[in-house]
C-alpha atoms as a PDB file:
ATOM      1  CA  MET A   1      35.656 -31.510  41.176  1.00  0.00           C
ATOM      2  CA  ASP A   2      36.384 -27.787  41.524  1.00  0.00           C
ATOM      3  CA  PHE A   3      34.048 -25.280  39.857  1.00  0.00           C
ATOM      4  CA  GLY A   4      36.016 -22.262  41.092  1.00  0.00           C
ATOM      5  CA  LEU A   5      33.365 -21.266  43.587  1.00  0.00           C
ATOM      6  CA  GLU A   6      34.356 -20.311  47.051  1.00  0.00           C
ATOM      7  CA  VAL A   7      31.564 -20.862  49.559  1.00  0.00           C
ATOM      8  CA  PRO A   8      32.595 -20.019  53.108  1.00  0.00           C
ATOM      9  CA  PHE A   9      31.230 -22.401  55.715  1.00  0.00           C
ATOM     10  CA  VAL A  10      29.423 -20.456  58.401  1.00  0.00           C
ATOM     11  CA  ALA A  11      28.414 -22.485  61.400  1.00  0.00           C
ATOM     12  CA  GLY A  12      24.981 -21.150  62.145  1.00  0.00           C
ATOM     13  CA  THR A  13      21.567 -22.289  63.199  1.00  0.00           C
ATOM     14  CA  ALA A  14      20.677 -23.750  59.827  1.00  0.00           C
ATOM     15  CA  GLN A  15      23.651 -26.100  59.867  1.00  0.00           C
ATOM     16  CA  ILE A  16      23.069 -27.127  63.449  1.00  0.00           C
ATOM     17  CA  GLU A  17      19.396 -27.877  62.699  1.00  0.00           C
ATOM     18  CA  LEU A  18      20.484 -30.368  60.011  1.00  0.00           C
ATOM     19  CA  ILE A  19      22.134 -32.649  62.553  1.00  0.00           C
ATOM     20  CA  LYS A  20      19.182 -32.664  64.980  1.00  0.00           C
ATOM     21  CA  SER A  21      16.484 -35.334  65.011  1.00  0.00           C
ATOM     22  CA  PRO A  22      13.009 -34.276  63.932  1.00  0.00           C
ATOM     23  CA  SER A  23      11.823 -34.357  67.586  1.00  0.00           C
ATOM     24  CA  GLN A  24      14.698 -32.150  68.640  1.00  0.00           C
ATOM     25  CA  VAL A  25      13.918 -29.604  65.898  1.00  0.00           C
ATOM     26  CA  LEU A  26      10.234 -29.530  66.857  1.00  0.00           C
ATOM     27  CA  ALA A  27      11.036 -29.155  70.551  1.00  0.00           C
ATOM     28  CA  SER A  28      13.443 -26.299  69.906  1.00  0.00           C
ATOM     29  CA  GLN A  29      10.889 -24.487  67.728  1.00  0.00           C
ATOM     30  CA  THR A  30       8.042 -24.706  70.201  1.00  0.00           C
ATOM     31  CA  VAL A  31       7.145 -21.345  71.595  1.00  0.00           C
ATOM     32  CA  SER A  32       7.226 -21.350  75.369  1.00  0.00           C
ATOM     33  CA  VAL A  33       4.639 -19.650  77.533  1.00  0.00           C
ATOM     34  CA  THR A  34       7.298 -17.607  79.429  1.00  0.00           C
ATOM     35  CA  ASN A  35       8.134 -14.919  76.845  1.00  0.00           C
ATOM     36  CA  GLY A  36       9.372 -12.258  79.271  1.00  0.00           C
ATOM     37  CA  ALA A  37       7.772 -13.723  82.394  1.00  0.00           C
ATOM     38  CA  THR A  38       9.486 -13.493  85.754  1.00  0.00           C
ATOM     39  CA  ALA A  39       7.382 -16.189  87.399  1.00  0.00           C
ATOM     40  CA  LEU A  40       5.133 -19.079  86.430  1.00  0.00           C
ATOM     41  CA  THR A  41       2.255 -20.416  88.533  1.00  0.00           C
ATOM     42  CA  PHE A  42       0.275 -23.641  88.431  1.00  0.00           C
ATOM     43  CA  LEU A  43      -2.268 -25.027  90.940  1.00  0.00           C
ATOM     44  CA  GLY A  44      -1.057 -22.594  93.585  1.00  0.00           C
ATOM     45  CA  TRP A  45       2.621 -23.350  93.038  1.00  0.00           C
ATOM     46  CA  ARG A  46       4.980 -20.539  92.006  1.00  0.00           C
ATOM     47  CA  ILE A  47       8.238 -20.760  90.127  1.00  0.00           C
ATOM     48  CA  ASP A  48      10.325 -17.607  90.368  1.00  0.00           C
ATOM     49  CA  LEU A  49      12.469 -17.513  87.242  1.00  0.00           C
ATOM     50  CA  ARG A  50      14.750 -14.749  88.539  1.00  0.00           C
ATOM     51  CA  LEU A  51      15.463 -16.349  91.907  1.00  0.00           C
ATOM     52  CA  ARG A  52      15.316 -19.879  90.506  1.00  0.00           C
ATOM     53  CA  GLU A  53      13.094 -21.083  93.317  1.00  0.00           C
ATOM     54  CA  LEU A  54       9.853 -23.014  93.770  1.00  0.00           C
ATOM     55  CA  ARG A  55       7.239 -22.134  96.326  1.00  0.00           C
ATOM     56  CA  ASN A  56       4.386 -24.468  97.315  1.00  0.00           C
ATOM     57  CA  PRO A  57       0.761 -23.277  97.590  1.00  0.00           C
ATOM     58  CA  THR A  58       1.299 -22.161 101.201  1.00  0.00           C
ATOM     59  CA  GLY A  59       4.275 -20.002 100.133  1.00  0.00           C
ATOM     60  CA  ALA A  60       7.010 -22.200 101.607  1.00  0.00           C
ATOM     61  CA  ARG A  61      10.207 -22.557  99.589  1.00  0.00           C
ATOM     62  CA  VAL A  62      10.760 -26.083  98.193  1.00  0.00           C
ATOM     63  CA  ALA A  63      14.387 -27.118  97.877  1.00  0.00           C
ATOM     64  CA  MET A  64      15.317 -28.159  94.324  1.00  0.00           C
ATOM     65  CA  THR A  65      18.519 -29.020  92.581  1.00  0.00           C
ATOM     66  CA  SER A  66      19.437 -27.005  89.524  1.00  0.00           C
ATOM     67  CA  ALA A  67      18.589 -29.917  87.264  1.00  0.00           C
ATOM     68  CA  GLU A  68      15.186 -30.372  88.904  1.00  0.00           C
ATOM     69  CA  PHE A  69      14.409 -26.647  88.536  1.00  0.00           C
ATOM     70  CA  ASP A  70      15.459 -26.665  84.870  1.00  0.00           C
ATOM     71  CA  LEU A  71      13.251 -29.671  84.109  1.00  0.00           C
ATOM     72  CA  LEU A  72      10.210 -28.317  85.976  1.00  0.00           C
ATOM     73  CA  ARG A  73      10.666 -24.961  84.218  1.00  0.00           C
ATOM     74  CA  THR A  74      10.845 -26.768  80.859  1.00  0.00           C
ATOM     75  CA  PHE A  75       7.580 -28.585  81.623  1.00  0.00           C
ATOM     76  CA  CYS A  76       5.892 -25.348  82.725  1.00  0.00           C
ATOM     77  CA  GLU A  77       7.025 -23.550  79.554  1.00  0.00           C
ATOM     78  CA  ARG A  78       5.359 -26.268  77.457  1.00  0.00           C
ATOM     79  CA  PRO A  79       2.147 -27.314  79.302  1.00  0.00           C
ATOM     80  CA  GLY A  80      -0.065 -29.861  77.662  1.00  0.00           C
ATOM     81  CA  ARG A  81       2.585 -31.048  75.215  1.00  0.00           C
ATOM     82  CA  VAL A  82       4.136 -34.489  75.109  1.00  0.00           C
ATOM     83  CA  LEU A  83       7.886 -34.099  75.447  1.00  0.00           C
ATOM     84  CA  SER A  84      10.158 -37.018  74.689  1.00  0.00           C
ATOM     85  CA  ARG A  85      12.980 -37.871  77.037  1.00  0.00           C
ATOM     86  CA  ASP A  86      15.367 -37.006  74.234  1.00  0.00           C
ATOM     87  CA  SER A  87      13.914 -33.568  73.716  1.00  0.00           C
ATOM     88  CA  LEU A  88      13.816 -32.935  77.487  1.00  0.00           C
ATOM     89  CA  LEU A  89      17.527 -33.726  77.651  1.00  0.00           C
ATOM     90  CA  ASP A  90      18.185 -31.272  74.850  1.00  0.00           C
ATOM     91  CA  LEU A  91      16.004 -28.551  76.329  1.00  0.00           C
ATOM     92  CA  THR A  92      17.461 -28.824  79.829  1.00  0.00           C
ATOM     93  CA  GLN A  93      21.021 -30.070  79.561  1.00  0.00           C
ATOM     94  CA  GLY A  94      21.996 -30.305  75.931  1.00  0.00           C
ATOM     95  CA  ARG A  95      23.644 -33.307  74.401  1.00  0.00           C
ATOM     96  CA  ASN A  96      27.099 -32.183  75.464  1.00  0.00           C
ATOM     97  CA  ALA A  97      26.258 -32.897  79.093  1.00  0.00           C
ATOM     98  CA  GLY A  98      26.785 -36.650  78.512  1.00  0.00           C
ATOM     99  CA  SER A  99      23.362 -37.361  80.008  1.00  0.00           C
ATOM    100  CA  PHE A 100      21.184 -40.363  79.418  1.00  0.00           C
ATOM    101  CA  GLU A 101      17.470 -40.614  78.953  1.00  0.00           C
ATOM    102  CA  ARG A 102      17.221 -42.467  82.245  1.00  0.00           C
ATOM    103  CA  SER A 103      18.420 -39.348  84.082  1.00  0.00           C
ATOM    104  CA  ILE A 104      15.171 -37.612  83.027  1.00  0.00           C
ATOM    105  CA  ASP A 105      13.151 -40.434  84.602  1.00  0.00           C
ATOM    106  CA  VAL A 106      15.033 -39.967  87.885  1.00  0.00           C
ATOM    107  CA  LEU A 107      14.495 -36.191  87.842  1.00  0.00           C
ATOM    108  CA  VAL A 108      10.812 -36.608  87.057  1.00  0.00           C
ATOM    109  CA  SER A 109      10.480 -38.956  89.978  1.00  0.00           C
ATOM    110  CA  ARG A 110      12.154 -36.461  92.310  1.00  0.00           C
ATOM    111  CA  ILE A 111       9.964 -33.601  91.091  1.00  0.00           C
ATOM    112  CA  ARG A 112       6.824 -35.717  91.489  1.00  0.00           C
ATOM    113  CA  ARG A 113       7.733 -36.409  95.153  1.00  0.00           C
ATOM    114  CA  LYS A 114       7.942 -32.637  95.674  1.00  0.00           C
ATOM    115  CA  ILE A 115       4.825 -31.406  93.851  1.00  0.00           C
ATOM    116  CA  GLU A 116       2.363 -34.287  93.430  1.00  0.00           C
ATOM    117  CA  PRO A 117      -0.203 -34.980  96.195  1.00  0.00           C
ATOM    118  CA  ASP A 118       0.312 -38.705  95.423  1.00  0.00           C
ATOM    119  CA  PRO A 119       3.578 -39.326  93.525  1.00  0.00           C
ATOM    120  CA  GLN A 120       2.526 -42.899  92.809  1.00  0.00           C
ATOM    121  CA  ASP A 121      -0.590 -41.673  91.033  1.00  0.00           C
ATOM    122  CA  ALA A 122       0.843 -38.597  89.256  1.00  0.00           C
ATOM    123  CA  THR A 123      -1.610 -36.163  87.820  1.00  0.00           C
ATOM    124  CA  MET A 124       0.623 -33.129  87.116  1.00  0.00           C
ATOM    125  CA  ILE A 125       3.449 -34.850  85.229  1.00  0.00           C
ATOM    126  CA  LYS A 126       1.899 -37.674  83.280  1.00  0.00           C
ATOM    127  CA  THR A 127       3.892 -40.483  81.699  1.00  0.00           C
ATOM    128  CA  VAL A 128       2.907 -40.900  78.045  1.00  0.00           C
ATOM    129  CA  ARG A 129       3.593 -44.461  76.922  1.00  0.00           C
ATOM    130  CA  SER A 130       6.120 -44.520  74.059  1.00  0.00           C
ATOM    131  CA  GLY A 131       6.092 -40.716  74.079  1.00  0.00           C
ATOM    132  CA  GLY A 132       7.701 -39.231  77.183  1.00  0.00           C
ATOM    133  CA  TYR A 133       6.040 -36.917  79.666  1.00  0.00           C
ATOM    134  CA  MET A 134       3.339 -34.244  79.673  1.00  0.00           C
ATOM    135  CA  PHE A 135       2.822 -31.449  82.195  1.00  0.00           C
ATOM    136  CA  THR A 136      -0.976 -31.196  82.650  1.00  0.00           C
ATOM    137  CA  PRO A 137      -1.736 -28.081  84.758  1.00  0.00           C
ATOM    138  CA  VAL A 138      -2.654 -24.718  83.252  1.00  0.00           C
ATOM    139  CA  VAL A 139       0.350 -22.422  83.708  1.00  0.00           C
ATOM    140  CA  ASP A 140      -0.020 -18.683  84.225  1.00  0.00           C
ATOM    141  CA  THR A 141       2.761 -16.100  83.858  1.00  0.00           C
ATOM    142  CA  SER A 142       3.760 -13.047  85.827  1.00  0.00           C
ATOM    143  CA  LYS A 143       5.624 -10.308  83.996  1.00  0.00           C
ATOM    144  CA  PRO A 144       7.588  -7.406  85.430  1.00  0.00           C
ATOM    145  CA  PRO A 145       5.743  -4.074  85.583  1.00  0.00           C
ATOM    146  CA  ALA A 146       5.911  -1.993  82.395  1.00  0.00           C
ATOM    147  CA  ASN A 147       7.857   0.734  84.184  1.00  0.00           C
ATOM    148  CA  GLY A 148      10.633  -1.762  85.009  1.00  0.00           C
ATOM    149  CA  GLY A 149      10.085  -1.706  88.776  1.00  0.00           C
ATOM    150  CA  SER A 150      10.234  -4.805  90.943  1.00  0.00           C
END
């Protein structure tokens, strides 16, 4: 049926939101703690967002893959929140990456081996049964000086 109306289709955020699952929409709307921060810290650990590096409490650089860094950053940006594997995939890699939920489990295991005192009894990245994962430490932010200096 044609009513003579021409409505142009504009692919924007509203249309994209319609094809997301409710958990994906909620995850994308969550405000992260970074908001202009250049670094995040938790329990003596420091994530430099500009250099994309992690330093342990003694200041030593910890080698991380790009995927590990992205996932740890995502956790640090949303401390104390249960994040499903599905939303973690969307927040870190997007659905176009052809990733599977199991890849999140592998990355979490690798990160735990790097940051947890006892990876078998994880306290920083908790597994939430039927929910996903939750990053438990308090995360602090460091912002650049107001005058723009380093």
